Protein backbone atom coordinates (compact mmCIF):
# COMPACT_ATOMS: atom_id res chain seq x y z
CA MET A 1 7.88 -20.56 -57.25
CA LYS A 2 9.17 -17.34 -55.86
CA LYS A 3 5.76 -15.70 -56.57
CA ARG A 4 4.12 -18.88 -54.55
CA HIS A 5 6.53 -18.48 -52.17
CA LYS A 6 5.76 -14.70 -51.53
CA GLU A 7 2.21 -14.78 -51.67
CA ARG A 8 2.40 -17.87 -49.01
CA LYS A 9 4.20 -15.44 -46.75
CA THR A 10 1.88 -12.78 -47.42
CA THR A 11 -1.00 -15.01 -46.59
CA THR A 12 0.58 -16.83 -43.54
CA GLY A 13 1.58 -13.24 -41.78
CA PRO A 14 -1.67 -11.42 -40.93
CA SER A 15 -3.19 -14.65 -39.21
CA THR A 16 -0.21 -14.97 -37.05
CA ASN A 17 0.12 -11.50 -35.92
CA GLN A 18 -3.42 -11.44 -35.17
CA THR A 19 -2.77 -14.78 -33.05
CA ARG A 20 -0.04 -13.23 -31.17
CA SER A 21 -1.96 -9.91 -30.88
CA SER A 22 -5.23 -12.02 -29.77
CA PHE A 23 -3.65 -12.37 -25.84
CA ASP A 24 -3.20 -8.95 -24.09
CA PRO A 25 -0.60 -9.55 -21.06
CA GLU A 26 -1.73 -6.73 -19.53
CA ARG A 27 -5.08 -7.53 -19.32
CA PHE A 28 -4.11 -11.11 -18.27
CA ARG A 29 -2.18 -9.50 -15.15
CA TRP A 30 -5.35 -7.01 -14.15
CA GLY A 31 -7.77 -10.15 -14.47
CA LEU A 32 -5.35 -11.57 -11.75
CA PHE A 33 -5.26 -8.94 -9.67
CA PHE A 34 -9.37 -8.80 -9.24
CA LEU A 35 -9.09 -12.40 -8.77
CA ILE A 36 -6.95 -12.30 -6.08
CA ALA A 37 -8.85 -9.78 -4.43
CA ALA A 38 -12.26 -11.76 -4.88
CA GLY A 39 -10.62 -14.70 -3.87
CA VAL A 40 -9.15 -12.96 -0.49
CA LEU A 41 -12.56 -11.49 -0.11
CA SER A 42 -14.12 -14.66 -0.05
CA VAL A 43 -11.95 -15.86 2.31
CA PHE A 44 -12.56 -13.33 4.85
CA PHE A 45 -16.24 -12.30 4.14
CA PRO A 46 -17.47 -14.57 7.29
CA SER A 47 -15.86 -11.74 9.42
CA VAL A 48 -18.57 -9.34 8.38
CA HIS A 49 -21.25 -11.23 10.94
CA PHE A 50 -18.71 -10.92 13.65
CA GLU A 51 -19.86 -8.74 16.78
CA PHE A 52 -17.71 -5.65 18.17
CA LEU A 53 -14.66 -6.93 20.91
CA VAL A 54 -15.09 -5.95 24.46
CA TRP A 55 -11.40 -5.32 23.60
CA ASP A 56 -10.83 -1.55 22.50
CA ASP A 57 -13.70 -1.61 19.95
CA TYR A 58 -16.26 -0.26 22.36
CA GLN A 59 -13.43 2.85 23.93
CA ASN A 60 -12.63 3.28 19.56
CA ILE A 61 -16.19 3.05 18.32
CA VAL A 62 -19.49 2.26 20.24
CA ASP A 63 -18.74 4.23 23.29
CA ASN A 64 -16.79 7.11 21.29
CA PRO A 65 -19.15 10.16 20.97
CA ASN A 66 -16.20 11.88 19.01
CA ILE A 67 -16.63 9.74 15.26
CA ARG A 68 -20.40 10.69 15.67
CA SER A 69 -20.21 13.59 13.22
CA PHE A 70 -17.70 15.83 11.39
CA SER A 71 -18.12 18.69 13.65
CA LEU A 72 -15.25 20.99 14.19
CA GLN A 73 -15.00 19.91 17.45
CA ASN A 74 -14.93 16.31 16.34
CA LEU A 75 -11.99 16.74 13.47
CA ARG A 76 -10.06 18.66 15.73
CA TRP A 77 -10.19 15.91 18.25
CA MET A 78 -9.58 13.07 15.18
CA PHE A 79 -6.24 15.33 14.49
CA THR A 80 -5.20 16.44 17.99
CA THR A 81 -5.98 13.09 20.35
CA SER A 82 -3.59 9.88 21.10
CA HIS A 83 -6.65 8.16 22.35
CA LEU A 84 -5.24 4.52 23.52
CA GLY A 85 -1.83 5.62 22.25
CA PRO A 86 -1.92 5.69 18.28
CA TYR A 87 -1.65 9.00 16.40
CA GLN A 88 -4.47 8.04 13.85
CA PRO A 89 -6.23 10.84 12.29
CA LEU A 90 -7.29 9.22 8.72
CA SER A 91 -8.19 6.10 10.74
CA TRP A 92 -10.68 8.05 13.20
CA ILE A 93 -12.17 9.81 9.77
CA SER A 94 -12.86 6.49 7.95
CA LEU A 95 -14.82 5.08 11.20
CA ALA A 96 -16.83 8.26 11.35
CA LEU A 97 -17.22 7.72 7.65
CA GLU A 98 -18.53 4.13 8.47
CA TYR A 99 -20.76 5.57 11.41
CA ARG A 100 -22.62 7.84 9.15
CA PHE A 101 -23.80 5.08 7.18
CA TRP A 102 -24.10 2.10 9.53
CA LYS A 103 -24.41 3.82 12.97
CA LEU A 104 -23.34 0.81 15.31
CA ASP A 105 -24.00 -2.05 13.13
CA PRO A 106 -20.81 -4.10 13.14
CA LEU A 107 -21.48 -5.44 9.78
CA GLY A 108 -20.43 -2.36 7.92
CA TYR A 109 -17.13 -1.71 9.73
CA HIS A 110 -15.87 -5.73 9.19
CA LEU A 111 -17.04 -5.23 5.74
CA MET A 112 -14.63 -2.29 4.71
CA ASN A 113 -11.50 -3.56 6.77
CA VAL A 114 -12.19 -6.72 4.35
CA LEU A 115 -12.50 -4.88 1.03
CA LEU A 116 -9.58 -2.66 1.82
CA HIS A 117 -7.09 -5.93 2.76
CA SER A 118 -8.70 -7.51 -0.73
CA PHE A 119 -7.62 -4.65 -2.60
CA ASN A 120 -4.53 -4.56 -0.75
CA ALA A 121 -3.72 -8.29 -2.07
CA GLY A 122 -4.14 -7.12 -5.77
CA CYS A 123 -2.06 -4.33 -5.13
CA PHE A 124 0.62 -6.58 -3.44
CA PHE A 125 0.62 -8.85 -6.32
CA ILE A 126 1.32 -5.91 -8.73
CA LEU A 127 4.34 -4.92 -6.29
CA ILE A 128 5.73 -8.04 -6.55
CA LEU A 129 5.49 -7.99 -10.37
CA MET A 130 7.03 -4.96 -10.54
CA LEU A 131 9.93 -5.91 -7.95
CA LEU A 132 10.56 -9.05 -10.43
CA LYS A 133 10.22 -7.33 -13.58
CA CYS A 134 13.38 -4.98 -12.31
CA HIS A 135 15.55 -7.88 -11.94
CA GLY A 136 17.86 -8.22 -14.79
CA THR A 137 16.27 -5.28 -16.65
CA ASN A 138 17.09 -1.41 -16.89
CA PRO A 139 13.53 -0.22 -15.09
CA ALA A 140 14.54 3.16 -16.62
CA SER A 141 14.13 2.08 -19.69
CA GLU A 142 11.58 -0.71 -19.55
CA PRO A 143 8.42 0.04 -17.28
CA SER A 144 8.19 -2.75 -14.57
CA TRP A 145 4.26 -3.54 -15.16
CA SER A 146 5.00 -4.31 -19.24
CA GLY A 147 5.99 -7.62 -20.33
CA GLY A 148 6.45 -9.91 -17.99
CA ARG A 149 7.51 -14.03 -18.10
CA SER A 150 5.29 -16.74 -16.85
CA TRP A 151 7.40 -17.43 -13.98
CA GLU A 152 7.32 -13.48 -12.69
CA VAL A 153 3.62 -14.02 -12.89
CA PHE A 154 3.41 -17.08 -11.03
CA GLY A 155 5.83 -15.36 -8.50
CA ALA A 156 3.99 -12.46 -7.92
CA LEU A 157 0.23 -14.33 -7.48
CA ALA A 158 2.18 -17.04 -4.76
CA GLY A 159 3.22 -14.36 -2.93
CA ALA A 160 0.24 -11.86 -3.00
CA LEU A 161 -1.86 -15.14 -1.81
CA LEU A 162 1.05 -16.05 0.77
CA PHE A 163 0.82 -12.21 2.23
CA ALA A 164 -2.92 -11.94 1.97
CA LEU A 165 -4.38 -15.33 3.68
CA HIS A 166 -1.36 -15.98 6.04
CA PRO A 167 -2.78 -16.13 9.64
CA LEU A 168 -0.82 -13.00 10.75
CA ARG A 169 -3.26 -10.97 8.65
CA VAL A 170 -6.56 -12.29 10.66
CA GLU A 171 -6.07 -10.02 13.56
CA SER A 172 -5.94 -6.89 11.12
CA VAL A 173 -9.05 -7.92 9.25
CA VAL A 174 -11.26 -9.52 11.19
CA TRP A 175 -10.84 -6.60 14.38
CA ALA A 176 -12.73 -3.26 13.55
CA THR A 177 -10.29 -1.50 15.98
CA GLU A 178 -7.52 -2.52 13.11
CA ARG A 179 -8.79 -0.11 10.44
CA ARG A 180 -5.52 1.67 11.04
CA ASP A 181 -3.92 -1.67 10.05
CA VAL A 182 -5.51 -2.04 6.78
CA LEU A 183 -5.82 1.32 5.83
CA CYS A 184 -1.98 2.04 6.28
CA GLY A 185 -1.48 -1.12 4.64
CA PHE A 186 -3.43 0.22 1.63
CA PHE A 187 -1.69 3.88 1.06
CA SER A 188 1.49 2.10 2.02
CA LEU A 189 1.48 -0.04 -1.29
CA LEU A 190 0.68 2.92 -3.23
CA THR A 191 3.30 4.56 -2.08
CA PHE A 192 5.85 1.77 -3.24
CA ILE A 193 3.90 1.42 -6.72
CA THR A 194 4.04 4.87 -7.73
CA TYR A 195 7.81 5.32 -6.33
CA MET A 196 8.60 2.42 -8.81
CA LYS A 197 6.70 4.39 -11.51
CA ALA A 198 8.84 7.37 -11.15
CA ALA A 199 11.56 5.19 -11.27
CA ASP A 200 10.21 3.39 -14.52
CA ARG A 201 10.37 6.97 -16.38
CA GLY A 202 14.13 7.87 -15.09
CA GLN A 203 12.87 10.79 -13.55
CA LYS A 204 14.66 12.54 -11.12
CA PRO A 205 13.60 14.73 -8.20
CA PRO A 206 13.26 16.82 -7.00
CA ARG A 207 14.66 18.85 -9.50
CA SER A 208 11.62 18.57 -11.96
CA ILE A 209 8.93 17.39 -9.06
CA PRO A 210 7.68 14.91 -11.62
CA TYR A 211 4.06 13.42 -11.16
CA TRP A 212 4.48 10.07 -9.75
CA TYR A 213 7.31 10.74 -7.37
CA LEU A 214 4.68 13.47 -5.89
CA LEU A 215 2.21 11.10 -5.96
CA SER A 216 4.21 8.71 -3.96
CA LEU A 217 4.90 10.99 -1.25
CA VAL A 218 1.28 11.91 -0.71
CA PHE A 219 0.33 8.43 -0.21
CA PHE A 220 3.29 8.24 2.32
CA LEU A 221 1.79 11.00 4.17
CA LEU A 222 -1.45 9.44 4.20
CA SER A 223 -0.52 6.35 5.39
CA LEU A 224 1.46 7.73 8.28
CA LEU A 225 -1.90 9.94 9.27
CA ALA A 226 -3.55 6.39 9.11
CA LYS A 227 -1.24 4.46 11.49
CA ALA A 228 2.25 5.67 12.45
CA MET A 229 3.88 2.31 11.72
CA SER A 230 4.73 3.48 7.80
CA VAL A 231 7.70 5.69 9.10
CA MET A 232 10.09 2.65 8.04
CA LEU A 233 8.93 3.18 4.34
CA ALA A 234 11.92 5.75 3.78
CA PRO A 235 14.81 3.88 4.29
CA VAL A 236 13.22 0.97 2.32
CA LEU A 237 12.69 3.58 -0.32
CA VAL A 238 16.71 4.04 -0.12
CA ILE A 239 17.32 0.03 -0.79
CA LEU A 240 14.80 -0.12 -3.36
CA ASP A 241 16.99 2.75 -5.01
CA TYR A 242 19.94 0.06 -4.91
CA TYR A 243 18.39 -2.91 -5.88
CA PRO A 244 16.12 -3.77 -7.86
CA LEU A 245 16.11 -0.27 -9.17
CA LYS A 246 19.30 0.14 -9.44
CA ARG A 247 19.60 3.38 -9.76
CA VAL A 248 22.79 3.83 -7.70
CA ASN A 249 26.27 2.52 -9.27
CA GLY A 250 29.14 1.28 -7.76
CA GLY A 251 28.16 -0.49 -4.42
CA VAL A 252 26.98 1.20 -1.46
CA LEU A 253 29.70 3.57 -1.55
CA GLY A 254 28.02 4.63 -4.77
CA TYR A 255 25.51 6.80 -2.34
CA PHE A 256 28.24 9.02 -1.81
CA ARG A 257 29.39 10.35 -5.30
CA PRO A 258 27.97 13.54 -6.68
CA ALA A 259 25.82 11.78 -9.52
CA SER A 260 23.89 10.05 -6.57
CA TRP A 261 23.15 13.09 -4.28
CA ARG A 262 20.04 13.51 -6.47
CA VAL A 263 18.59 10.31 -5.60
CA LEU A 264 19.57 10.60 -1.75
CA LEU A 265 17.64 14.46 -1.79
CA GLU A 266 14.51 12.92 -3.07
CA LYS A 267 14.36 10.73 -0.32
CA VAL A 268 14.33 14.35 2.25
CA PRO A 269 10.74 14.63 2.54
CA PHE A 270 10.39 10.91 3.38
CA PHE A 271 12.76 11.11 6.17
CA PHE A 272 11.05 14.28 7.41
CA LEU A 273 7.55 12.98 7.58
CA SER A 274 8.86 9.90 9.42
CA LEU A 275 10.98 11.99 12.15
CA VAL A 276 7.57 14.11 12.61
CA PHE A 277 5.41 11.20 12.65
CA GLY A 278 7.79 8.93 14.74
CA LEU A 279 8.11 11.36 17.41
CA MET A 280 4.35 12.06 17.30
CA ALA A 281 3.97 8.49 17.67
CA VAL A 282 5.95 8.07 20.55
CA ARG A 283 4.62 11.10 22.46
CA GLY A 284 1.09 9.47 21.96
CA GLN A 285 2.59 5.90 23.73
CA VAL A 286 4.12 7.82 26.46
CA LEU A 287 1.07 9.75 27.44
CA GLU A 288 -1.14 6.32 27.14
CA ALA A 289 1.07 5.01 29.85
CA THR A 290 1.20 7.92 32.17
CA ARG A 291 -2.77 7.58 31.71
CA LEU A 292 -3.09 4.00 32.59
CA GLU A 293 -0.40 4.17 35.62
CA ALA A 294 -2.55 6.95 37.09
CA ALA A 295 -5.74 5.17 36.84
CA PRO A 296 -7.20 3.13 39.51
CA LEU A 297 -6.97 -0.70 39.23
CA PRO A 298 -10.25 -2.43 39.07
CA VAL A 299 -11.72 -4.28 42.30
């Protein structure tokens, strides 16, 4: 009887293990990522047939000779101008790339906005899942993207769809001039994701300057070059350190302890970039307001 019982265990064990290993949670979540992106793409796809708007599209794209090529003169203009207010050199570069392939066909400009927003929806799903995974766990010992319970996946899916399909997203997606919004959002989401990956591995910048931390700083710079609205990411990262990453112990006062100084020091580059680009954004708006005041009123 004992031998038969042992034989039964040995014969049933491999089959159950094989059944459990047949489901790959990570592959399932990446499948949801592309499913969300495809769903959002299908919803906003009709906007690719829209025309340019007379409101700003003509000044930024149609009648703007500075995006017609990548000459040194045009590149200098992109990185120094505050045309119509915003400082957005990376957005100008993306529009110049569009002109290189599509000329003045609005389809290409709208299509790129839709593709960026669709990818942003998938990134938002990943970010929510990482945040939910950190809740009640130690992110330094367990990566946020591993595991994942069903309610976490469902919550991330619902949150991503609510973000992507909310009516507030329509202006940023279907208006060609608002390339800066979707482009800044793209790099902002990558900033959060890579920063949380750095925290997952328990790395403590800037002493060792880990890969994920440096990558998050690069994405943050790119988001600022697309549009200065991402200046608020720096204080949000401080909040993330407190919760849900739990890198600071002892409440808010824990930030003032010597053990937490390293966590604050790693934010210095983020706050420095926020200050620089914030001042440049204010300067651009002041110059644009001065230009509008000096311009003659239409008869």
